Each structure stands twice: as structure tokens, then as C-alpha cells.
Amino acid sequence: MPATVNIGSDQAEAPVRLKVGDVLCIRLLASPASGYHWLLEPEVPGFLSANTDPGVGAGRSPSIVNTWTFRAQQPGHGLLHFSFRRAWQSRTAPIRSLSFAIFVQ
């Protein structure tokens, strides 16, 4: 039976191990009042499929927590990179960055 694995910023840099079919949910604290949100950069590795992404679509999520969900589609490994920035300041350095090492068996 597929599992759901929930992680946040405190699990960054630690390996995340999934099985094919598992769902990964990443929750990161945002600051919508200041315009800062987490953005997934540059793209999702091919062995994962993105089910939700708060940075995509017509309107940005007003939530204080940005949440992404991914499904493990096939075995593989790679990194998910996130940057904390204002969406309209894409050419400036983010004020914070996180990476998650994902391993799917």
C-alpha cells in the first residue's frame, strides 16, 4: 500500500526514501504579507510527478504554508531545490534555499 511521507524545512539535506507509488508532501513556511514564497527550481526530476505546486497557476496561494505533493512514479534519485524569494524578483538571489535528496526504490 502506498505511503504518504510528510516533510518540512527541518528535513532538508537529509535523504528522503520512497517506494514507487508513495506520495511525498513538502510543507514550507512562507511569508505572504511580505511577498515571499517558496518556489520550486528548476524542475521536477522525471521519476516524480508533481500533483500540486502552489507556485503554478493564475493566483498565488495566500497560505502561510506552501505545500507541494509529488508521486513517486519510478525508481530514481535526484534533488528538489526550493528558493525563498519574491516571485517578481527572479533575478536576485533568494534569501534562503533548501534542497531535498529524494531516493525512490
N, C-alpha and C. Protein backbone atom coordinates (compact mmCIF):
# COMPACT_ATOMS: atom_id res chain seq x y z
N MET A 1 0.85 -1.18 0.00
CA MET A 1 0.00 0.00 0.00
C MET A 1 0.90 1.25 0.00
N PRO A 2 0.63 2.21 -0.89
CA PRO A 2 1.44 3.44 -0.93
C PRO A 2 1.34 4.22 0.37
N ALA A 3 2.44 4.84 0.72
CA ALA A 3 2.52 5.65 1.93
C ALA A 3 2.56 7.13 1.55
N THR A 4 2.21 7.98 2.51
CA THR A 4 2.38 9.42 2.36
C THR A 4 3.48 9.85 3.32
N VAL A 5 4.50 10.51 2.78
CA VAL A 5 5.64 10.97 3.58
C VAL A 5 5.55 12.49 3.65
N ASN A 6 5.44 13.03 4.86
CA ASN A 6 5.34 14.47 5.09
C ASN A 6 6.66 15.00 5.62
N ILE A 7 7.19 16.04 4.96
CA ILE A 7 8.44 16.64 5.41
C ILE A 7 8.34 18.16 5.35
N GLY A 8 9.25 18.81 6.06
CA GLY A 8 9.33 20.26 6.07
C GLY A 8 10.78 20.69 5.99
N SER A 9 11.02 21.96 6.24
CA SER A 9 12.37 22.52 6.10
C SER A 9 13.38 21.86 7.03
N ASP A 10 12.92 21.34 8.17
CA ASP A 10 13.85 20.70 9.10
C ASP A 10 14.40 19.37 8.58
N GLN A 11 13.80 18.83 7.51
CA GLN A 11 14.32 17.60 6.91
C GLN A 11 15.18 17.86 5.67
N ALA A 12 15.43 19.13 5.35
CA ALA A 12 16.28 19.44 4.20
C ALA A 12 17.67 18.88 4.43
N GLU A 13 18.29 18.46 3.38
CA GLU A 13 19.63 17.88 3.36
C GLU A 13 19.67 16.44 3.85
N ALA A 14 18.59 15.94 4.43
CA ALA A 14 18.54 14.53 4.85
C ALA A 14 17.91 13.73 3.72
N PRO A 15 18.39 12.50 3.47
CA PRO A 15 17.80 11.71 2.39
C PRO A 15 16.34 11.35 2.69
N VAL A 16 15.51 11.45 1.65
CA VAL A 16 14.11 11.06 1.74
C VAL A 16 13.95 9.81 0.89
N ARG A 17 13.53 8.71 1.52
CA ARG A 17 13.41 7.43 0.82
C ARG A 17 11.94 7.10 0.60
N LEU A 18 11.61 6.81 -0.67
CA LEU A 18 10.24 6.49 -1.06
C LEU A 18 10.23 5.18 -1.84
N LYS A 19 9.06 4.60 -1.95
CA LYS A 19 8.82 3.47 -2.84
C LYS A 19 7.93 3.94 -3.97
N VAL A 20 8.00 3.26 -5.10
CA VAL A 20 7.15 3.62 -6.23
C VAL A 20 5.70 3.61 -5.76
N GLY A 21 4.97 4.68 -6.08
CA GLY A 21 3.58 4.82 -5.68
C GLY A 21 3.39 5.70 -4.46
N ASP A 22 4.44 5.88 -3.65
CA ASP A 22 4.33 6.73 -2.46
C ASP A 22 4.10 8.18 -2.85
N VAL A 23 3.50 8.93 -1.93
CA VAL A 23 3.27 10.36 -2.11
C VAL A 23 4.18 11.12 -1.15
N LEU A 24 4.85 12.12 -1.67
CA LEU A 24 5.71 13.00 -0.88
C LEU A 24 5.01 14.34 -0.75
N CYS A 25 4.86 14.81 0.47
CA CYS A 25 4.24 16.11 0.74
C CYS A 25 5.29 16.99 1.43
N ILE A 26 5.64 18.10 0.78
CA ILE A 26 6.61 19.04 1.34
C ILE A 26 5.87 20.31 1.72
N ARG A 27 6.00 20.69 3.01
CA ARG A 27 5.36 21.90 3.52
C ARG A 27 6.44 22.86 4.01
N LEU A 28 6.40 24.08 3.44
CA LEU A 28 7.39 25.10 3.79
C LEU A 28 6.69 26.38 4.21
N LEU A 29 7.12 26.95 5.31
CA LEU A 29 6.53 28.16 5.86
C LEU A 29 6.86 29.36 4.97
N ALA A 30 5.83 30.09 4.55
CA ALA A 30 6.00 31.26 3.67
C ALA A 30 5.72 32.53 4.46
N SER A 31 5.82 33.65 3.78
CA SER A 31 5.52 34.96 4.38
C SER A 31 4.75 35.79 3.36
N PRO A 32 3.48 35.43 3.12
CA PRO A 32 2.74 36.10 2.04
C PRO A 32 2.57 37.60 2.23
N ALA A 33 2.52 38.07 3.46
CA ALA A 33 2.36 39.52 3.68
C ALA A 33 3.55 40.30 3.14
N SER A 34 4.74 39.68 3.17
CA SER A 34 5.94 40.36 2.67
C SER A 34 6.20 40.03 1.19
N GLY A 35 5.40 39.11 0.64
CA GLY A 35 5.58 38.73 -0.76
C GLY A 35 6.50 37.55 -0.95
N TYR A 36 7.07 37.01 0.13
CA TYR A 36 8.00 35.88 0.00
C TYR A 36 7.25 34.56 -0.02
N HIS A 37 7.61 33.75 -1.01
CA HIS A 37 7.06 32.41 -1.18
C HIS A 37 8.19 31.48 -1.55
N TRP A 38 7.95 30.20 -1.34
CA TRP A 38 8.89 29.18 -1.80
C TRP A 38 8.59 28.85 -3.25
N LEU A 39 9.63 28.75 -4.07
CA LEU A 39 9.50 28.39 -5.47
C LEU A 39 10.33 27.15 -5.75
N LEU A 40 9.76 26.21 -6.47
CA LEU A 40 10.48 25.01 -6.88
C LEU A 40 11.31 25.36 -8.10
N GLU A 41 12.63 25.08 -8.03
CA GLU A 41 13.53 25.43 -9.14
C GLU A 41 14.48 24.28 -9.42
N PRO A 42 14.84 24.00 -10.61
CA PRO A 42 14.20 24.49 -11.81
C PRO A 42 13.02 23.62 -12.23
N GLU A 43 13.10 22.29 -11.98
CA GLU A 43 12.01 21.42 -12.42
C GLU A 43 12.00 20.15 -11.56
N VAL A 44 10.96 19.38 -11.76
CA VAL A 44 10.78 18.14 -11.01
C VAL A 44 11.54 17.02 -11.73
N PRO A 45 12.34 16.22 -11.00
CA PRO A 45 13.02 15.09 -11.64
C PRO A 45 12.00 14.15 -12.29
N GLY A 46 12.40 13.49 -13.36
CA GLY A 46 11.50 12.66 -14.15
C GLY A 46 10.88 11.48 -13.43
N PHE A 47 11.48 11.03 -12.34
CA PHE A 47 10.93 9.88 -11.62
C PHE A 47 9.80 10.27 -10.67
N LEU A 48 9.55 11.58 -10.52
CA LEU A 48 8.45 12.09 -9.70
C LEU A 48 7.44 12.81 -10.59
N SER A 49 6.19 12.80 -10.17
CA SER A 49 5.20 13.66 -10.83
C SER A 49 4.68 14.63 -9.79
N ALA A 50 4.54 15.88 -10.20
CA ALA A 50 4.04 16.92 -9.29
C ALA A 50 2.52 16.88 -9.32
N ASN A 51 1.92 16.63 -8.17
CA ASN A 51 0.45 16.63 -8.07
C ASN A 51 -0.07 18.02 -7.76
N THR A 52 0.63 18.77 -6.91
CA THR A 52 0.25 20.15 -6.61
C THR A 52 1.51 20.98 -6.47
N ASP A 53 1.40 22.24 -6.86
CA ASP A 53 2.51 23.20 -6.75
C ASP A 53 1.90 24.57 -6.51
N PRO A 54 2.09 25.16 -5.32
CA PRO A 54 1.47 26.45 -5.04
C PRO A 54 2.03 27.60 -5.87
N GLY A 55 3.14 27.38 -6.56
CA GLY A 55 3.73 28.44 -7.37
C GLY A 55 3.25 28.45 -8.80
N VAL A 56 2.34 27.55 -9.16
CA VAL A 56 1.85 27.44 -10.53
C VAL A 56 0.39 27.83 -10.57
N GLY A 57 0.00 28.52 -11.63
CA GLY A 57 -1.41 28.86 -11.78
C GLY A 57 -1.61 30.36 -11.80
N ALA A 58 -2.86 30.75 -11.98
CA ALA A 58 -3.18 32.16 -12.13
C ALA A 58 -2.94 32.96 -10.86
N GLY A 59 -3.30 32.41 -9.72
CA GLY A 59 -3.13 33.14 -8.47
C GLY A 59 -2.19 32.42 -7.54
N ARG A 60 -1.44 33.15 -6.79
CA ARG A 60 -0.53 32.54 -5.81
C ARG A 60 -1.32 32.20 -4.57
N SER A 61 -0.91 31.17 -3.91
CA SER A 61 -1.59 30.76 -2.69
C SER A 61 -1.37 31.80 -1.59
N PRO A 62 -2.45 32.23 -0.93
CA PRO A 62 -2.30 33.19 0.17
C PRO A 62 -1.90 32.50 1.48
N SER A 63 -1.77 31.20 1.44
CA SER A 63 -1.49 30.43 2.65
C SER A 63 -0.12 30.76 3.21
N ILE A 64 0.00 30.66 4.52
CA ILE A 64 1.28 30.87 5.18
C ILE A 64 2.18 29.65 5.00
N VAL A 65 1.60 28.53 4.60
CA VAL A 65 2.37 27.32 4.33
C VAL A 65 2.23 26.97 2.85
N ASN A 66 3.35 26.91 2.13
CA ASN A 66 3.35 26.47 0.75
C ASN A 66 3.50 24.95 0.76
N THR A 67 2.62 24.25 0.05
CA THR A 67 2.61 22.79 0.07
C THR A 67 2.71 22.24 -1.34
N TRP A 68 3.63 21.31 -1.53
CA TRP A 68 3.80 20.59 -2.78
C TRP A 68 3.55 19.11 -2.51
N THR A 69 2.92 18.43 -3.45
CA THR A 69 2.81 16.98 -3.36
C THR A 69 3.33 16.37 -4.65
N PHE A 70 4.02 15.26 -4.49
CA PHE A 70 4.63 14.54 -5.60
C PHE A 70 4.31 13.06 -5.44
N ARG A 71 4.21 12.35 -6.56
CA ARG A 71 4.05 10.90 -6.52
C ARG A 71 5.30 10.27 -7.13
N ALA A 72 5.82 9.26 -6.44
CA ALA A 72 6.98 8.51 -6.95
C ALA A 72 6.50 7.60 -8.08
N GLN A 73 6.93 7.88 -9.30
CA GLN A 73 6.46 7.16 -10.48
C GLN A 73 7.32 5.95 -10.84
N GLN A 74 8.61 6.07 -10.58
CA GLN A 74 9.54 5.00 -10.96
C GLN A 74 10.80 5.15 -10.12
N PRO A 75 11.63 4.10 -10.06
CA PRO A 75 12.88 4.21 -9.29
C PRO A 75 13.77 5.32 -9.86
N GLY A 76 14.49 5.96 -8.97
CA GLY A 76 15.42 7.01 -9.37
C GLY A 76 15.85 7.82 -8.16
N HIS A 77 16.75 8.76 -8.41
CA HIS A 77 17.18 9.65 -7.33
C HIS A 77 17.54 11.00 -7.93
N GLY A 78 17.39 12.02 -7.10
CA GLY A 78 17.68 13.38 -7.55
C GLY A 78 17.36 14.36 -6.44
N LEU A 79 17.44 15.63 -6.78
CA LEU A 79 17.22 16.70 -5.82
C LEU A 79 16.01 17.54 -6.19
N LEU A 80 15.30 17.97 -5.16
CA LEU A 80 14.29 19.00 -5.32
C LEU A 80 14.86 20.26 -4.68
N HIS A 81 14.97 21.34 -5.46
CA HIS A 81 15.53 22.61 -4.98
C HIS A 81 14.42 23.64 -4.83
N PHE A 82 14.43 24.33 -3.72
CA PHE A 82 13.45 25.37 -3.46
C PHE A 82 14.19 26.66 -3.09
N SER A 83 13.66 27.80 -3.56
CA SER A 83 14.23 29.09 -3.18
C SER A 83 13.12 29.95 -2.58
N PHE A 84 13.50 30.73 -1.58
CA PHE A 84 12.57 31.61 -0.87
C PHE A 84 12.81 33.01 -1.39
N ARG A 85 11.87 33.49 -2.17
CA ARG A 85 12.03 34.80 -2.82
C ARG A 85 10.68 35.37 -3.19
N ARG A 86 10.72 36.61 -3.60
CA ARG A 86 9.54 37.24 -4.18
C ARG A 86 9.50 36.85 -5.65
N ALA A 87 8.34 36.43 -6.12
CA ALA A 87 8.22 35.93 -7.49
C ALA A 87 8.67 36.97 -8.52
N TRP A 88 8.43 38.25 -8.25
CA TRP A 88 8.78 39.29 -9.21
C TRP A 88 10.27 39.67 -9.14
N GLN A 89 11.02 39.07 -8.23
CA GLN A 89 12.45 39.35 -8.12
C GLN A 89 13.27 38.11 -8.49
N SER A 90 12.92 37.50 -9.61
CA SER A 90 13.55 36.24 -10.00
C SER A 90 15.02 36.39 -10.37
N ARG A 91 15.48 37.59 -10.61
CA ARG A 91 16.88 37.79 -10.99
C ARG A 91 17.79 38.11 -9.81
N THR A 92 17.20 38.22 -8.63
CA THR A 92 18.01 38.47 -7.43
C THR A 92 18.19 37.15 -6.68
N ALA A 93 19.21 37.09 -5.88
CA ALA A 93 19.48 35.88 -5.11
C ALA A 93 18.36 35.66 -4.09
N PRO A 94 17.95 34.40 -3.90
CA PRO A 94 16.93 34.13 -2.88
C PRO A 94 17.49 34.42 -1.49
N ILE A 95 16.60 34.72 -0.54
CA ILE A 95 17.08 34.95 0.82
C ILE A 95 17.33 33.64 1.56
N ARG A 96 16.80 32.54 1.00
CA ARG A 96 17.04 31.22 1.59
C ARG A 96 16.84 30.16 0.51
N SER A 97 17.57 29.07 0.61
CA SER A 97 17.42 27.95 -0.33
C SER A 97 17.41 26.65 0.45
N LEU A 98 16.67 25.68 -0.05
CA LEU A 98 16.62 24.34 0.54
C LEU A 98 16.71 23.30 -0.57
N SER A 99 17.32 22.17 -0.25
CA SER A 99 17.36 21.04 -1.18
C SER A 99 16.97 19.78 -0.44
N PHE A 100 16.23 18.93 -1.13
CA PHE A 100 15.83 17.64 -0.59
C PHE A 100 16.33 16.56 -1.52
N ALA A 101 17.11 15.61 -0.99
CA ALA A 101 17.59 14.48 -1.77
C ALA A 101 16.54 13.38 -1.71
N ILE A 102 16.02 13.01 -2.89
CA ILE A 102 14.92 12.05 -2.98
C ILE A 102 15.45 10.75 -3.62
N PHE A 103 15.15 9.64 -2.98
CA PHE A 103 15.53 8.33 -3.49
C PHE A 103 14.27 7.47 -3.58
N VAL A 104 13.97 6.95 -4.77
CA VAL A 104 12.80 6.10 -4.96
C VAL A 104 13.28 4.71 -5.34
N GLN A 105 12.77 3.71 -4.61
CA GLN A 105 13.11 2.31 -4.90
C GLN A 105 11.94 1.61 -5.55
